[in-house]
Amino acid sequence: AGSQLREIFDKINNLLSGKSVVSGGRTVSVTQHPQGLDFVYYKLAEKFVNQGEEEVASHHDSAFPIAVVASGIWEIHPRVGDLFLAHLHKKCPYSVPFYPALKEGTSMEEYQRMLGYQVKDSKVEEQDHFLKRMSGLIRLYAAIIQLRWPYGNKQGPHPHGLNYGWRWLAQMLNMEPLADVTATLLLDFLEVCGNALMKQYQVQFWKMMVLIQEDYIPRIEAITSSGQMGSLMRFKQFLEKCLQQKEVPLPKGALQSSFWRS
């Protein structure tokens, strides 16, 4: 509910503002240690990113309540935003977007970690689990860039707004696609913030969508084996529908004004 989200936001904001906060039955304050605030900034940013790969990966709708809190905290405490991006880029290089190349002297295990895979006891996580986590992270990012905390004083622009999403999309299309990964993440991204980008960029946005359909989809097809077609087919259907209807639907789970009265 909106009222619960406000409580969570206020508690985090109070903690970062140096006020005493009760947590787990104890009263804590960042002023108790000279590096207390730095530590809390770091851990909070890490927690937001973890929620992307755990919570959002399993429940897509949860991207919006988490993102609106993260966005509001970012606006008041910019350091959290910098650290959020650092944690996000490390866990999901595709959010930069960046595809690390295999360099001489790098072990396969290390390289897989650089690509965002979890490696435990020399065992690499399954591809579907990996994609699910990456989807959660991209969806959280796509929600953050379009949402603002509704109770802020909003003097300036969004600290990391839709222009970053437009840039991400353009950079993705300038890169050689990766089988499975590219189609999955483009679909995740456009499902979450396509509607917001459409409203902001209008004609330019539709030119980009046509470019994806006519030029980029064939490039993804060319590197996709028959066993990896699922994500590409879903992406193609999504694009066709949007272009036919000249509309990107509002994302499922988007926060309506009625939510804040709950």
C-alpha atoms as a PDB file:
ATOM      1  CA  ALA A   1       0.000   0.000   0.000  1.00  0.00           C
ATOM      2  CA  GLY A   2       1.037   3.592  -0.582  1.00  0.00           C
ATOM      3  CA  SER A   3       1.026   4.364   3.139  1.00  0.00           C
ATOM      4  CA  GLN A   4       3.424   1.438   3.827  1.00  0.00           C
ATOM      5  CA  LEU A   5       5.759   2.643   1.111  1.00  0.00           C
ATOM      6  CA  ARG A   6       5.819   6.124   2.678  1.00  0.00           C
ATOM      7  CA  GLU A   7       6.802   4.604   6.031  1.00  0.00           C
ATOM      8  CA  ILE A   8       9.653   2.662   4.432  1.00  0.00           C
ATOM      9  CA  PHE A   9      10.835   5.725   2.534  1.00  0.00           C
ATOM     10  CA  ASP A  10      10.743   7.959   5.619  1.00  0.00           C
ATOM     11  CA  LYS A  11      12.659   5.420   7.671  1.00  0.00           C
ATOM     12  CA  ILE A  12      15.448   5.138   5.074  1.00  0.00           C
ATOM     13  CA  ASN A  13      15.543   8.896   4.553  1.00  0.00           C
ATOM     14  CA  ASN A  14      15.700   9.527   8.330  1.00  0.00           C
ATOM     15  CA  LEU A  15      18.567   7.060   8.689  1.00  0.00           C
ATOM     16  CA  LEU A  16      20.548   8.714   5.886  1.00  0.00           C
ATOM     17  CA  SER A  17      19.777  12.159   7.304  1.00  0.00           C
ATOM     18  CA  GLY A  18      21.505  11.264  10.592  1.00  0.00           C
ATOM     19  CA  LYS A  19      18.367  10.734  12.693  1.00  0.00           C
ATOM     20  CA  SER A  20      17.981   7.775  15.050  1.00  0.00           C
ATOM     21  CA  VAL A  21      15.970   4.893  13.611  1.00  0.00           C
ATOM     22  CA  VAL A  22      14.703   1.741  15.343  1.00  0.00           C
ATOM     23  CA  SER A  23      15.708  -1.392  13.445  1.00  0.00           C
ATOM     24  CA  GLY A  24      15.445  -4.965  14.686  1.00  0.00           C
ATOM     25  CA  GLY A  25      14.625  -3.712  18.180  1.00  0.00           C
ATOM     26  CA  ARG A  26      17.741  -1.515  18.336  1.00  0.00           C
ATOM     27  CA  THR A  27      18.148   2.207  17.889  1.00  0.00           C
ATOM     28  CA  VAL A  28      20.757   2.977  15.231  1.00  0.00           C
ATOM     29  CA  SER A  29      22.192   6.174  13.801  1.00  0.00           C
ATOM     30  CA  VAL A  30      24.827   6.752  11.108  1.00  0.00           C
ATOM     31  CA  THR A  31      26.526   9.230  13.460  1.00  0.00           C
ATOM     32  CA  GLN A  32      27.617   6.365  15.769  1.00  0.00           C
ATOM     33  CA  HIS A  33      30.687   5.713  13.608  1.00  0.00           C
ATOM     34  CA  PRO A  34      32.802   8.132  11.531  1.00  0.00           C
ATOM     35  CA  GLN A  35      32.255   5.947   8.430  1.00  0.00           C
ATOM     36  CA  GLY A  36      28.686   5.014   9.332  1.00  0.00           C
ATOM     37  CA  LEU A  37      27.084   7.050   6.583  1.00  0.00           C
ATOM     38  CA  ASP A  38      29.440   5.759   3.854  1.00  0.00           C
ATOM     39  CA  PHE A  39      28.749   2.202   4.963  1.00  0.00           C
ATOM     40  CA  VAL A  40      24.964   2.706   4.923  1.00  0.00           C
ATOM     41  CA  TYR A  41      25.071   4.388   1.487  1.00  0.00           C
ATOM     42  CA  TYR A  42      27.010   1.414   0.140  1.00  0.00           C
ATOM     43  CA  LYS A  43      24.833  -1.296   1.722  1.00  0.00           C
ATOM     44  CA  LEU A  44      21.568   0.436   0.825  1.00  0.00           C
ATOM     45  CA  ALA A  45      22.560   0.742  -2.855  1.00  0.00           C
ATOM     46  CA  GLU A  46      23.597  -2.925  -2.811  1.00  0.00           C
ATOM     47  CA  LYS A  47      20.230  -3.896  -1.269  1.00  0.00           C
ATOM     48  CA  PHE A  48      18.278  -2.071  -3.976  1.00  0.00           C
ATOM     49  CA  VAL A  49      20.236  -3.950  -6.649  1.00  0.00           C
ATOM     50  CA  ASN A  50      19.752  -7.270  -4.833  1.00  0.00           C
ATOM     51  CA  GLN A  51      16.012  -6.651  -4.837  1.00  0.00           C
ATOM     52  CA  GLY A  52      16.212  -6.349  -8.612  1.00  0.00           C
ATOM     53  CA  GLU A  53      17.772  -9.752  -9.111  1.00  0.00           C
ATOM     54  CA  GLU A  54      15.717 -11.498  -6.419  1.00  0.00           C
ATOM     55  CA  GLU A  55      12.351  -9.803  -5.950  1.00  0.00           C
ATOM     56  CA  VAL A  56      11.786  -8.224  -9.372  1.00  0.00           C
ATOM     57  CA  ALA A  57      13.128 -11.283 -11.190  1.00  0.00           C
ATOM     58  CA  SER A  58      10.386 -13.398  -9.589  1.00  0.00           C
ATOM     59  CA  HIS A  59       7.590 -10.784  -9.398  1.00  0.00           C
ATOM     60  CA  HIS A  60       7.826  -8.281 -12.247  1.00  0.00           C
ATOM     61  CA  ASP A  61       5.228  -5.944 -10.706  1.00  0.00           C
ATOM     62  CA  SER A  62       7.448  -5.315  -7.675  1.00  0.00           C
ATOM     63  CA  ALA A  63       9.807  -3.238  -9.857  1.00  0.00           C
ATOM     64  CA  PHE A  64       7.574  -0.185  -9.409  1.00  0.00           C
ATOM     65  CA  PRO A  65       7.286   0.161  -5.602  1.00  0.00           C
ATOM     66  CA  ILE A  66      11.005  -0.622  -5.177  1.00  0.00           C
ATOM     67  CA  ALA A  67      11.968   1.791  -7.973  1.00  0.00           C
ATOM     68  CA  VAL A  68       9.884   4.703  -6.700  1.00  0.00           C
ATOM     69  CA  VAL A  69      11.571   4.487  -3.275  1.00  0.00           C
ATOM     70  CA  ALA A  70      15.046   4.095  -4.842  1.00  0.00           C
ATOM     71  CA  SER A  71      14.415   7.049  -7.165  1.00  0.00           C
ATOM     72  CA  GLY A  72      13.227   9.290  -4.305  1.00  0.00           C
ATOM     73  CA  ILE A  73      16.208   8.386  -2.097  1.00  0.00           C
ATOM     74  CA  TRP A  74      18.551   8.962  -5.061  1.00  0.00           C
ATOM     75  CA  GLU A  75      17.108  12.443  -5.516  1.00  0.00           C
ATOM     76  CA  ILE A  76      17.781  13.484  -1.906  1.00  0.00           C
ATOM     77  CA  HIS A  77      21.005  11.468  -1.449  1.00  0.00           C
ATOM     78  CA  PRO A  78      22.823  11.422  -4.824  1.00  0.00           C
ATOM     79  CA  ARG A  79      25.628   9.246  -3.433  1.00  0.00           C
ATOM     80  CA  VAL A  80      23.166   6.334  -3.187  1.00  0.00           C
ATOM     81  CA  GLY A  81      22.457   6.727  -6.910  1.00  0.00           C
ATOM     82  CA  ASP A  82      26.147   6.591  -7.850  1.00  0.00           C
ATOM     83  CA  LEU A  83      26.630   3.467  -5.752  1.00  0.00           C
ATOM     84  CA  PHE A  84      23.413   1.911  -7.092  1.00  0.00           C
ATOM     85  CA  LEU A  85      24.758   2.261 -10.648  1.00  0.00           C
ATOM     86  CA  ALA A  86      28.124   0.826  -9.589  1.00  0.00           C
ATOM     87  CA  HIS A  87      26.519  -2.264  -8.032  1.00  0.00           C
ATOM     88  CA  LEU A  88      24.112  -2.615 -10.967  1.00  0.00           C
ATOM     89  CA  HIS A  89      26.831  -2.374 -13.608  1.00  0.00           C
ATOM     90  CA  LYS A  90      28.962  -4.916 -11.785  1.00  0.00           C
ATOM     91  CA  LYS A  91      26.119  -7.440 -11.444  1.00  0.00           C
ATOM     92  CA  CYS A  92      24.667  -6.765 -14.888  1.00  0.00           C
ATOM     93  CA  PRO A  93      27.172  -5.311 -17.399  1.00  0.00           C
ATOM     94  CA  TYR A  94      24.315  -5.205 -19.947  1.00  0.00           C
ATOM     95  CA  SER A  95      22.835  -2.298 -17.962  1.00  0.00           C
ATOM     96  CA  VAL A  96      25.791  -0.102 -19.031  1.00  0.00           C
ATOM     97  CA  PRO A  97      25.387  -1.572 -21.764  1.00  0.00           C
ATOM     98  CA  PHE A  98      28.704  -3.377 -22.096  1.00  0.00           C
ATOM     99  CA  TYR A  99      29.637  -6.860 -23.278  1.00  0.00           C
ATOM    100  CA  PRO A 100      33.020  -7.695 -21.736  1.00  0.00           C
ATOM    101  CA  ALA A 101      35.479  -9.310 -24.162  1.00  0.00           C
ATOM    102  CA  LEU A 102      37.568 -12.312 -23.176  1.00  0.00           C
ATOM    103  CA  LYS A 103      41.104 -11.029 -22.645  1.00  0.00           C
ATOM    104  CA  GLU A 104      44.273 -13.075 -22.728  1.00  0.00           C
ATOM    105  CA  GLY A 105      45.153 -14.437 -19.317  1.00  0.00           C
ATOM    106  CA  THR A 106      41.558 -14.285 -18.007  1.00  0.00           C
ATOM    107  CA  SER A 107      40.276 -17.654 -16.810  1.00  0.00           C
ATOM    108  CA  MET A 108      36.934 -18.901 -18.158  1.00  0.00           C
ATOM    109  CA  GLU A 109      35.501 -18.785 -14.640  1.00  0.00           C
ATOM    110  CA  GLU A 110      36.561 -15.165 -14.151  1.00  0.00           C
ATOM    111  CA  TYR A 111      35.209 -14.248 -17.585  1.00  0.00           C
ATOM    112  CA  GLN A 112      31.819 -15.787 -16.806  1.00  0.00           C
ATOM    113  CA  ARG A 113      31.672 -13.724 -13.623  1.00  0.00           C
ATOM    114  CA  MET A 114      32.428 -10.602 -15.681  1.00  0.00           C
ATOM    115  CA  LEU A 115      29.464 -11.482 -17.921  1.00  0.00           C
ATOM    116  CA  GLY A 116      27.229 -11.525 -14.845  1.00  0.00           C
ATOM    117  CA  TYR A 117      26.980 -15.285 -14.250  1.00  0.00           C
ATOM    118  CA  GLN A 118      27.089 -16.640 -10.710  1.00  0.00           C
ATOM    119  CA  VAL A 119      29.914 -19.173 -10.380  1.00  0.00           C
ATOM    120  CA  LYS A 120      29.988 -21.377  -7.283  1.00  0.00           C
ATOM    121  CA  ASP A 121      32.573 -24.149  -6.813  1.00  0.00           C
ATOM    122  CA  SER A 122      33.490 -23.809 -10.507  1.00  0.00           C
ATOM    123  CA  LYS A 123      29.865 -24.456 -11.493  1.00  0.00           C
ATOM    124  CA  VAL A 124      28.169 -21.813 -13.634  1.00  0.00           C
ATOM    125  CA  GLU A 125      24.488 -21.083 -13.035  1.00  0.00           C
ATOM    126  CA  GLU A 126      21.925 -22.308 -15.567  1.00  0.00           C
ATOM    127  CA  GLN A 127      21.199 -19.987 -18.502  1.00  0.00           C
ATOM    128  CA  ASP A 128      17.503 -19.559 -17.656  1.00  0.00           C
ATOM    129  CA  HIS A 129      18.333 -18.598 -14.057  1.00  0.00           C
ATOM    130  CA  PHE A 130      20.960 -16.146 -15.302  1.00  0.00           C
ATOM    131  CA  LEU A 131      18.498 -14.535 -17.742  1.00  0.00           C
ATOM    132  CA  LYS A 132      15.838 -14.291 -15.042  1.00  0.00           C
ATOM    133  CA  ARG A 133      18.214 -12.330 -12.776  1.00  0.00           C
ATOM    134  CA  MET A 134      19.359 -10.050 -15.603  1.00  0.00           C
ATOM    135  CA  SER A 135      15.695  -9.394 -16.498  1.00  0.00           C
ATOM    136  CA  GLY A 136      14.953  -8.390 -12.908  1.00  0.00           C
ATOM    137  CA  LEU A 137      17.871  -5.951 -12.873  1.00  0.00           C
ATOM    138  CA  ILE A 138      16.986  -4.350 -16.231  1.00  0.00           C
ATOM    139  CA  ARG A 139      13.319  -4.067 -15.214  1.00  0.00           C
ATOM    140  CA  LEU A 140      14.245  -2.313 -11.975  1.00  0.00           C
ATOM    141  CA  TYR A 141      16.503   0.099 -13.880  1.00  0.00           C
ATOM    142  CA  ALA A 142      13.775   0.756 -16.487  1.00  0.00           C
ATOM    143  CA  ALA A 143      11.306   1.529 -13.684  1.00  0.00           C
ATOM    144  CA  ILE A 144      13.680   3.871 -11.809  1.00  0.00           C
ATOM    145  CA  ILE A 145      14.380   6.121 -14.812  1.00  0.00           C
ATOM    146  CA  GLN A 146      10.676   6.935 -15.264  1.00  0.00           C
ATOM    147  CA  LEU A 147       9.504   7.233 -11.633  1.00  0.00           C
ATOM    148  CA  ARG A 148       9.758  10.037  -9.105  1.00  0.00           C
ATOM    149  CA  TRP A 149       8.886  10.014  -5.434  1.00  0.00           C
ATOM    150  CA  PRO A 150       5.520  11.844  -5.427  1.00  0.00           C
ATOM    151  CA  TYR A 151       6.124  13.656  -2.116  1.00  0.00           C
ATOM    152  CA  GLY A 152       9.454  15.266  -2.946  1.00  0.00           C
ATOM    153  CA  ASN A 153       9.851  18.975  -3.720  1.00  0.00           C
ATOM    154  CA  LYS A 154      11.028  18.150  -7.293  1.00  0.00           C
ATOM    155  CA  GLN A 155      12.879  21.382  -7.997  1.00  0.00           C
ATOM    156  CA  GLY A 156      15.252  20.003 -10.598  1.00  0.00           C
ATOM    157  CA  PRO A 157      15.093  17.211 -13.177  1.00  0.00           C
ATOM    158  CA  HIS A 158      15.003  13.505 -12.304  1.00  0.00           C
ATOM    159  CA  PRO A 159      18.504  12.526 -11.061  1.00  0.00           C
ATOM    160  CA  HIS A 160      18.690   9.737 -13.682  1.00  0.00           C
ATOM    161  CA  GLY A 161      15.725  10.183 -15.990  1.00  0.00           C
ATOM    162  CA  LEU A 162      14.358   8.878 -19.280  1.00  0.00           C
ATOM    163  CA  ASN A 163      17.179  10.431 -21.313  1.00  0.00           C
ATOM    164  CA  TYR A 164      19.404   7.719 -19.815  1.00  0.00           C
ATOM    165  CA  GLY A 165      16.921   5.098 -21.014  1.00  0.00           C
ATOM    166  CA  TRP A 166      16.962   6.541 -24.508  1.00  0.00           C
ATOM    167  CA  ARG A 167      20.748   6.490 -24.450  1.00  0.00           C
ATOM    168  CA  TRP A 168      20.785   2.876 -23.220  1.00  0.00           C
ATOM    169  CA  LEU A 169      18.461   1.799 -26.021  1.00  0.00           C
ATOM    170  CA  ALA A 170      20.517   3.594 -28.682  1.00  0.00           C
ATOM    171  CA  GLN A 171      23.752   2.087 -27.366  1.00  0.00           C
ATOM    172  CA  MET A 172      22.245  -1.420 -27.293  1.00  0.00           C
ATOM    173  CA  LEU A 173      21.307  -1.092 -30.964  1.00  0.00           C
ATOM    174  CA  ASN A 174      24.840   0.032 -31.823  1.00  0.00           C
ATOM    175  CA  MET A 175      26.273  -3.191 -30.401  1.00  0.00           C
ATOM    176  CA  GLU A 176      26.433  -6.616 -31.971  1.00  0.00           C
ATOM    177  CA  PRO A 177      23.595  -8.646 -30.434  1.00  0.00           C
ATOM    178  CA  LEU A 178      24.174 -11.644 -28.169  1.00  0.00           C
ATOM    179  CA  ALA A 179      21.974 -14.712 -28.604  1.00  0.00           C
ATOM    180  CA  ASP A 180      19.271 -14.979 -25.937  1.00  0.00           C
ATOM    181  CA  VAL A 181      20.504 -12.033 -23.854  1.00  0.00           C
ATOM    182  CA  THR A 182      19.817  -9.120 -26.235  1.00  0.00           C
ATOM    183  CA  ALA A 183      16.239 -10.079 -27.181  1.00  0.00           C
ATOM    184  CA  THR A 184      15.347 -10.836 -23.545  1.00  0.00           C
ATOM    185  CA  LEU A 185      16.652  -7.541 -22.171  1.00  0.00           C
ATOM    186  CA  LEU A 186      15.257  -5.348 -24.958  1.00  0.00           C
ATOM    187  CA  LEU A 187      11.821  -6.855 -24.351  1.00  0.00           C
ATOM    188  CA  ASP A 188      12.107  -6.383 -20.564  1.00  0.00           C
ATOM    189  CA  PHE A 189      13.226  -2.805 -20.992  1.00  0.00           C
ATOM    190  CA  LEU A 190      10.527  -1.815 -23.499  1.00  0.00           C
ATOM    191  CA  GLU A 191       7.767  -3.573 -21.572  1.00  0.00           C
ATOM    192  CA  VAL A 192       8.622  -1.485 -18.500  1.00  0.00           C
ATOM    193  CA  CYS A 193       9.504   1.927 -19.919  1.00  0.00           C
ATOM    194  CA  GLY A 194       8.427   1.781 -23.588  1.00  0.00           C
ATOM    195  CA  ASN A 195       5.218   3.649 -22.761  1.00  0.00           C
ATOM    196  CA  ALA A 196       7.126   6.451 -20.995  1.00  0.00           C
ATOM    197  CA  LEU A 197       9.701   6.674 -23.817  1.00  0.00           C
ATOM    198  CA  MET A 198       6.905   6.773 -26.416  1.00  0.00           C
ATOM    199  CA  LYS A 199       5.282   9.759 -24.676  1.00  0.00           C
ATOM    200  CA  GLN A 200       8.587  11.593 -24.281  1.00  0.00           C
ATOM    201  CA  TYR A 201      10.173  10.975 -27.705  1.00  0.00           C
ATOM    202  CA  GLN A 202       7.096  10.434 -29.930  1.00  0.00           C
ATOM    203  CA  VAL A 203       8.156  10.397 -33.621  1.00  0.00           C
ATOM    204  CA  GLN A 204      11.775   9.596 -32.758  1.00  0.00           C
ATOM    205  CA  PHE A 205      10.623   6.670 -30.645  1.00  0.00           C
ATOM    206  CA  TRP A 206       8.613   5.127 -33.473  1.00  0.00           C
ATOM    207  CA  LYS A 207      11.557   5.550 -35.862  1.00  0.00           C
ATOM    208  CA  MET A 208      13.635   3.598 -33.346  1.00  0.00           C
ATOM    209  CA  MET A 209      10.989   0.847 -33.131  1.00  0.00           C
ATOM    210  CA  VAL A 210      10.890   0.500 -36.924  1.00  0.00           C
ATOM    211  CA  LEU A 211      14.684   0.351 -37.002  1.00  0.00           C
ATOM    212  CA  ILE A 212      14.622  -2.466 -34.427  1.00  0.00           C
ATOM    213  CA  GLN A 213      12.033  -4.386 -36.438  1.00  0.00           C
ATOM    214  CA  GLU A 214      13.630  -3.968 -39.860  1.00  0.00           C
ATOM    215  CA  ASP A 215      17.325  -3.891 -39.076  1.00  0.00           C
ATOM    216  CA  TYR A 216      18.100  -5.210 -35.600  1.00  0.00           C
ATOM    217  CA  ILE A 217      15.742  -8.209 -35.347  1.00  0.00           C
ATOM    218  CA  PRO A 218      17.309  -9.821 -38.479  1.00  0.00           C
ATOM    219  CA  ARG A 219      20.735  -9.338 -36.875  1.00  0.00           C
ATOM    220  CA  ILE A 220      19.551 -11.131 -33.724  1.00  0.00           C
ATOM    221  CA  GLU A 221      18.002 -13.889 -35.866  1.00  0.00           C
ATOM    222  CA  ALA A 222      21.280 -14.423 -37.685  1.00  0.00           C
ATOM    223  CA  ILE A 223      23.080 -15.414 -34.453  1.00  0.00           C
ATOM    224  CA  THR A 224      20.235 -17.292 -32.758  1.00  0.00           C
ATOM    225  CA  SER A 225      20.114 -21.089 -32.820  1.00  0.00           C
ATOM    226  CA  SER A 226      16.782 -22.926 -33.030  1.00  0.00           C
ATOM    227  CA  GLY A 227      16.918 -23.782 -29.303  1.00  0.00           C
ATOM    228  CA  GLN A 228      17.182 -20.102 -28.324  1.00  0.00           C
ATOM    229  CA  MET A 229      14.252 -18.775 -30.353  1.00  0.00           C
ATOM    230  CA  GLY A 230      11.790 -18.309 -27.457  1.00  0.00           C
ATOM    231  CA  SER A 231      12.912 -14.876 -26.258  1.00  0.00           C
ATOM    232  CA  LEU A 232      13.314 -13.616 -29.834  1.00  0.00           C
ATOM    233  CA  MET A 233       9.788 -14.724 -30.821  1.00  0.00           C
ATOM    234  CA  ARG A 234       8.312 -12.976 -27.765  1.00  0.00           C
ATOM    235  CA  PHE A 235      10.204  -9.803 -28.603  1.00  0.00           C
ATOM    236  CA  LYS A 236       9.081  -9.920 -32.252  1.00  0.00           C
ATOM    237  CA  GLN A 237       5.423 -10.355 -31.269  1.00  0.00           C
ATOM    238  CA  PHE A 238       5.647  -7.469 -28.795  1.00  0.00           C
ATOM    239  CA  LEU A 239       7.152  -5.171 -31.447  1.00  0.00           C
ATOM    240  CA  GLU A 240       4.631  -6.144 -34.125  1.00  0.00           C
ATOM    241  CA  LYS A 241       1.729  -5.482 -31.770  1.00  0.00           C
ATOM    242  CA  CYS A 242       3.086  -2.089 -30.697  1.00  0.00           C
ATOM    243  CA  LEU A 243       3.741  -0.997 -34.284  1.00  0.00           C
ATOM    244  CA  GLN A 244       0.309  -2.184 -35.449  1.00  0.00           C
ATOM    245  CA  GLN A 245      -1.523  -0.392 -32.661  1.00  0.00           C
ATOM    246  CA  LYS A 246       0.842   2.610 -32.627  1.00  0.00           C
ATOM    247  CA  GLU A 247       0.858   2.219 -28.852  1.00  0.00           C
ATOM    248  CA  VAL A 248       3.101   0.709 -26.188  1.00  0.00           C
ATOM    249  CA  PRO A 249       0.822  -0.466 -23.358  1.00  0.00           C
ATOM    250  CA  LEU A 250       1.297   0.805 -19.815  1.00  0.00           C
ATOM    251  CA  PRO A 251       3.385  -1.740 -17.916  1.00  0.00           C
ATOM    252  CA  LYS A 252       1.630  -4.258 -15.701  1.00  0.00           C
ATOM    253  CA  GLY A 253       1.907  -3.155 -12.086  1.00  0.00           C
ATOM    254  CA  ALA A 254       2.529   0.534 -12.832  1.00  0.00           C
ATOM    255  CA  LEU A 255       1.592   2.683  -9.824  1.00  0.00           C
ATOM    256  CA  GLN A 256      -1.657   4.596 -10.395  1.00  0.00           C
ATOM    257  CA  SER A 257      -2.601   7.695  -8.391  1.00  0.00           C
ATOM    258  CA  SER A 258      -5.117   5.582  -6.422  1.00  0.00           C
ATOM    259  CA  PHE A 259      -2.194   3.518  -5.068  1.00  0.00           C
ATOM    260  CA  TRP A 260      -1.001   6.500  -3.016  1.00  0.00           C
ATOM    261  CA  ARG A 261      -4.384   6.761  -1.323  1.00  0.00           C
ATOM    262  CA  SER A 262      -4.125   3.146  -0.103  1.00  0.00           C
END
